[in-house]
């Protein structure tokens, strides 16, 4: 039990600052972020309908 708590504590010390820096909305709901905040499409990539 103690080992699991230490593991989760260490992992949260790594992942939470990354999520905070990137933004929660952009990290988990990227479609809701306006297009000018997203990366441009890769050249040569085509969408198939």
PDB file of N, CA and C in Angstrom:
ATOM      1  N   UNK A   1       0.832  -1.192   0.000  1.00  0.00           N
ATOM      2  CA  UNK A   1       0.000   0.000   0.000  1.00  0.00           C
ATOM      3  C   UNK A   1       0.886   1.269   0.000  1.00  0.00           C
ATOM      4  N   UNK A   2       1.907   1.265   0.847  1.00  0.00           N
ATOM      5  CA  UNK A   2       2.803   2.414   0.948  1.00  0.00           C
ATOM      6  C   UNK A   2       3.577   2.626  -0.350  1.00  0.00           C
ATOM      7  N   UNK A   3       4.009   1.543  -0.956  1.00  0.00           N
ATOM      8  CA  UNK A   3       4.757   1.626  -2.214  1.00  0.00           C
ATOM      9  C   UNK A   3       3.880   2.226  -3.325  1.00  0.00           C
ATOM     10  N   UNK A   4       2.622   1.824  -3.372  1.00  0.00           N
ATOM     11  CA  UNK A   4       1.699   2.375  -4.368  1.00  0.00           C
ATOM     12  C   UNK A   4       1.478   3.865  -4.174  1.00  0.00           C
ATOM     13  N   UNK A   5       1.353   4.291  -2.922  1.00  0.00           N
ATOM     14  CA  UNK A   5       1.160   5.717  -2.631  1.00  0.00           C
ATOM     15  C   UNK A   5       2.398   6.522  -3.031  1.00  0.00           C
ATOM     16  N   UNK A   6       3.592   5.992  -2.782  1.00  0.00           N
ATOM     17  CA  UNK A   6       4.821   6.677  -3.181  1.00  0.00           C
ATOM     18  C   UNK A   6       4.930   6.763  -4.703  1.00  0.00           C
ATOM     19  N   UNK A   7       4.516   5.719  -5.385  1.00  0.00           N
ATOM     20  CA  UNK A   7       4.565   5.700  -6.843  1.00  0.00           C
ATOM     21  C   UNK A   7       3.625   6.750  -7.441  1.00  0.00           C
ATOM     22  N   UNK A   8       2.414   6.806  -6.936  1.00  0.00           N
ATOM     23  CA  UNK A   8       1.439   7.792  -7.426  1.00  0.00           C
ATOM     24  C   UNK A   8       1.898   9.207  -7.098  1.00  0.00           C
ATOM     25  N   UNK A   9       2.476   9.390  -5.917  1.00  0.00           N
ATOM     26  CA  UNK A   9       2.975  10.700  -5.524  1.00  0.00           C
ATOM     27  C   UNK A   9       4.103  11.161  -6.459  1.00  0.00           C
ATOM     28  N   UNK A  10       5.014  10.274  -6.769  1.00  0.00           N
ATOM     29  CA  UNK A  10       6.102  10.622  -7.682  1.00  0.00           C
ATOM     30  C   UNK A  10       5.615  10.910  -9.084  1.00  0.00           C
ATOM     31  N   UNK A  11       4.665  10.112  -9.553  1.00  0.00           N
ATOM     32  CA  UNK A  11       4.129  10.309 -10.901  1.00  0.00           C
ATOM     33  C   UNK A  11       3.364  11.629 -11.002  1.00  0.00           C
ATOM     34  N   UNK A  12       2.607  11.969  -9.960  1.00  0.00           N
ATOM     35  CA  UNK A  12       1.849  13.221 -10.001  1.00  0.00           C
ATOM     36  C   UNK A  12       2.783  14.425  -9.949  1.00  0.00           C
ATOM     37  N   UNK A  13       3.945  14.270  -9.326  1.00  0.00           N
ATOM     38  CA  UNK A  13       4.923  15.355  -9.314  1.00  0.00           C
ATOM     39  C   UNK A  13       5.511  15.622 -10.684  1.00  0.00           C
ATOM     40  N   UNK A  14       5.407  14.649 -11.579  1.00  0.00           N
ATOM     41  CA  UNK A  14       5.902  14.815 -12.942  1.00  0.00           C
ATOM     42  C   UNK A  14       4.781  15.279 -13.878  1.00  0.00           C
ATOM     43  N   UNK A  15       3.632  14.626 -13.808  1.00  0.00           N
ATOM     44  CA  UNK A  15       2.579  14.875 -14.802  1.00  0.00           C
ATOM     45  C   UNK A  15       1.790  16.158 -14.546  1.00  0.00           C
ATOM     46  N   UNK A  16       1.537  16.529 -13.282  1.00  0.00           N
ATOM     47  CA  UNK A  16       0.731  17.724 -13.018  1.00  0.00           C
ATOM     48  C   UNK A  16       1.391  19.021 -13.495  1.00  0.00           C
ATOM     49  N   UNK A  17       2.686  19.218 -13.312  1.00  0.00           N
ATOM     50  CA  UNK A  17       3.292  20.430 -13.884  1.00  0.00           C
ATOM     51  C   UNK A  17       3.219  20.487 -15.410  1.00  0.00           C
ATOM     52  N   UNK A  18       3.301  19.337 -16.063  1.00  0.00           N
ATOM     53  CA  UNK A  18       3.181  19.304 -17.524  1.00  0.00           C
ATOM     54  C   UNK A  18       1.773  19.695 -17.940  1.00  0.00           C
ATOM     55  N   UNK A  19       0.773  19.140 -17.265  1.00  0.00           N
ATOM     56  CA  UNK A  19      -0.622  19.477 -17.577  1.00  0.00           C
ATOM     57  C   UNK A  19      -0.871  20.954 -17.312  1.00  0.00           C
ATOM     58  N   UNK A  20      -0.344  21.482 -16.217  1.00  0.00           N
ATOM     59  CA  UNK A  20      -0.543  22.892 -15.881  1.00  0.00           C
ATOM     60  C   UNK A  20       0.112  23.785 -16.934  1.00  0.00           C
ATOM     61  N   UNK A  21       1.286  23.416 -17.421  1.00  0.00           N
ATOM     62  CA  UNK A  21       1.992  24.228 -18.417  1.00  0.00           C
ATOM     63  C   UNK A  21       1.279  24.205 -19.769  1.00  0.00           C
ATOM     64  N   UNK A  22       0.775  23.047 -20.165  1.00  0.00           N
ATOM     65  CA  UNK A  22       0.107  22.918 -21.463  1.00  0.00           C
ATOM     66  C   UNK A  22      -1.314  23.461 -21.434  1.00  0.00           C
ATOM     67  N   UNK A  23      -1.956  23.396 -20.289  1.00  0.00           N
ATOM     68  CA  UNK A  23      -3.345  23.809 -20.158  1.00  0.00           C
ATOM     69  C   UNK A  23      -4.242  22.591 -20.132  1.00  0.00           C
ATOM     70  N   UNK A  24      -5.116  22.543 -19.139  1.00  0.00           N
ATOM     71  CA  UNK A  24      -5.991  21.382 -18.960  1.00  0.00           C
ATOM     72  C   UNK A  24      -6.911  21.211 -20.162  1.00  0.00           C
ATOM     73  N   UNK A  25      -7.469  22.316 -20.624  1.00  0.00           N
ATOM     74  CA  UNK A  25      -8.408  22.238 -21.752  1.00  0.00           C
ATOM     75  C   UNK A  25      -7.718  21.736 -23.014  1.00  0.00           C
ATOM     76  N   UNK A  26      -6.538  22.247 -23.296  1.00  0.00           N
ATOM     77  CA  UNK A  26      -5.819  21.836 -24.503  1.00  0.00           C
ATOM     78  C   UNK A  26      -5.333  20.394 -24.391  1.00  0.00           C
ATOM     79  N   UNK A  27      -5.005  19.951 -23.186  1.00  0.00           N
ATOM     80  CA  UNK A  27      -4.483  18.603 -22.987  1.00  0.00           C
ATOM     81  C   UNK A  27      -5.576  17.544 -23.145  1.00  0.00           C
ATOM     82  N   UNK A  28      -6.761  17.795 -22.570  1.00  0.00           N
ATOM     83  CA  UNK A  28      -7.808  16.779 -22.552  1.00  0.00           C
ATOM     84  C   UNK A  28      -8.925  17.017 -23.560  1.00  0.00           C
ATOM     85  N   UNK A  29      -9.115  18.271 -23.994  1.00  0.00           N
ATOM     86  CA  UNK A  29     -10.170  18.597 -24.963  1.00  0.00           C
ATOM     87  C   UNK A  29      -9.599  19.448 -26.089  1.00  0.00           C
ATOM     88  N   UNK A  30      -8.707  18.894 -26.924  1.00  0.00           N
ATOM     89  CA  UNK A  30      -8.025  19.709 -27.936  1.00  0.00           C
ATOM     90  C   UNK A  30      -8.937  20.267 -29.017  1.00  0.00           C
ATOM     91  N   UNK A  31     -10.075  19.652 -29.246  1.00  0.00           N
ATOM     92  CA  UNK A  31     -10.984  20.130 -30.292  1.00  0.00           C
ATOM     93  C   UNK A  31     -11.616  21.462 -29.900  1.00  0.00           C
ATOM     94  N   UNK A  32     -11.749  21.725 -28.599  1.00  0.00           N
ATOM     95  CA  UNK A  32     -12.388  22.958 -28.142  1.00  0.00           C
ATOM     96  C   UNK A  32     -11.448  24.160 -28.179  1.00  0.00           C
ATOM     97  N   UNK A  33     -10.163  23.946 -28.451  1.00  0.00           N
ATOM     98  CA  UNK A  33      -9.188  25.035 -28.491  1.00  0.00           C
ATOM     99  C   UNK A  33      -9.210  25.652 -29.882  1.00  0.00           C
ATOM    100  N   UNK A  34      -9.235  26.986 -29.975  1.00  0.00           N
ATOM    101  CA  UNK A  34      -9.240  27.627 -31.301  1.00  0.00           C
ATOM    102  C   UNK A  34      -8.049  27.190 -32.153  1.00  0.00           C
ATOM    103  N   UNK A  35      -8.239  27.250 -33.463  1.00  0.00           N
ATOM    104  CA  UNK A  35      -7.241  26.729 -34.407  1.00  0.00           C
ATOM    105  C   UNK A  35      -5.899  27.444 -34.313  1.00  0.00           C
ATOM    106  N   UNK A  36      -5.875  28.726 -33.932  1.00  0.00           N
ATOM    107  CA  UNK A  36      -4.601  29.435 -33.901  1.00  0.00           C
ATOM    108  C   UNK A  36      -3.723  29.012 -32.734  1.00  0.00           C
ATOM    109  N   UNK A  37      -4.232  28.200 -31.825  1.00  0.00           N
ATOM    110  CA  UNK A  37      -3.411  27.643 -30.751  1.00  0.00           C
ATOM    111  C   UNK A  37      -2.890  26.261 -31.099  1.00  0.00           C
ATOM    112  N   UNK A  38      -3.403  25.655 -32.161  1.00  0.00           N
ATOM    113  CA  UNK A  38      -2.986  24.306 -32.551  1.00  0.00           C
ATOM    114  C   UNK A  38      -1.842  24.350 -33.545  1.00  0.00           C
ATOM    115  N   UNK A  39      -1.145  23.253 -33.682  1.00  0.00           N
ATOM    116  CA  UNK A  39      -0.054  23.155 -34.649  1.00  0.00           C
ATOM    117  C   UNK A  39      -0.636  23.087 -36.059  1.00  0.00           C
ATOM    118  N   UNK A  40       0.068  23.632 -37.033  1.00  0.00           N
ATOM    119  CA  UNK A  40      -0.419  23.560 -38.418  1.00  0.00           C
ATOM    120  C   UNK A  40      -0.358  22.123 -38.926  1.00  0.00           C
ATOM    121  N   UNK A  41      -1.174  21.794 -39.924  1.00  0.00           N
ATOM    122  CA  UNK A  41      -1.140  20.435 -40.472  1.00  0.00           C
ATOM    123  C   UNK A  41       0.201  20.142 -41.143  1.00  0.00           C
ATOM    124  N   UNK A  42       0.575  18.892 -41.133  1.00  0.00           N
ATOM    125  CA  UNK A  42       1.832  18.466 -41.741  1.00  0.00           C
ATOM    126  C   UNK A  42       1.662  18.524 -43.267  1.00  0.00           C
ATOM    127  N   UNK A  43       2.667  19.087 -43.944  1.00  0.00           N
ATOM    128  CA  UNK A  43       2.589  19.219 -45.410  1.00  0.00           C
ATOM    129  C   UNK A  43       2.559  17.838 -46.054  1.00  0.00           C
ATOM    130  N   UNK A  44       1.669  17.657 -46.994  1.00  0.00           N
ATOM    131  CA  UNK A  44       1.544  16.385 -47.684  1.00  0.00           C
ATOM    132  C   UNK A  44       0.504  15.467 -47.059  1.00  0.00           C
ATOM    133  N   UNK A  45       0.011  15.848 -45.883  1.00  0.00           N
ATOM    134  CA  UNK A  45      -0.995  15.025 -45.213  1.00  0.00           C
ATOM    135  C   UNK A  45      -2.365  15.364 -45.795  1.00  0.00           C
ATOM    136  N   UNK A  46      -3.130  14.347 -46.150  1.00  0.00           N
ATOM    137  CA  UNK A  46      -4.460  14.565 -46.694  1.00  0.00           C
ATOM    138  C   UNK A  46      -5.488  13.909 -45.803  1.00  0.00           C
ATOM    139  N   UNK A  47      -6.682  14.507 -45.792  1.00  0.00           N
ATOM    140  CA  UNK A  47      -7.772  13.924 -45.023  1.00  0.00           C
ATOM    141  C   UNK A  47      -8.633  13.067 -45.952  1.00  0.00           C
ATOM    142  N   UNK A  48      -8.991  11.914 -45.493  1.00  0.00           N
ATOM    143  CA  UNK A  48      -9.857  11.037 -46.255  1.00  0.00           C
ATOM    144  C   UNK A  48     -11.269  11.169 -45.724  1.00  0.00           C
ATOM    145  N   UNK A  49     -12.229  11.394 -46.606  1.00  0.00           N
ATOM    146  CA  UNK A  49     -13.621  11.543 -46.172  1.00  0.00           C
ATOM    147  C   UNK A  49     -14.357  10.243 -46.317  1.00  0.00           C
TER     148      UNK A  49
END
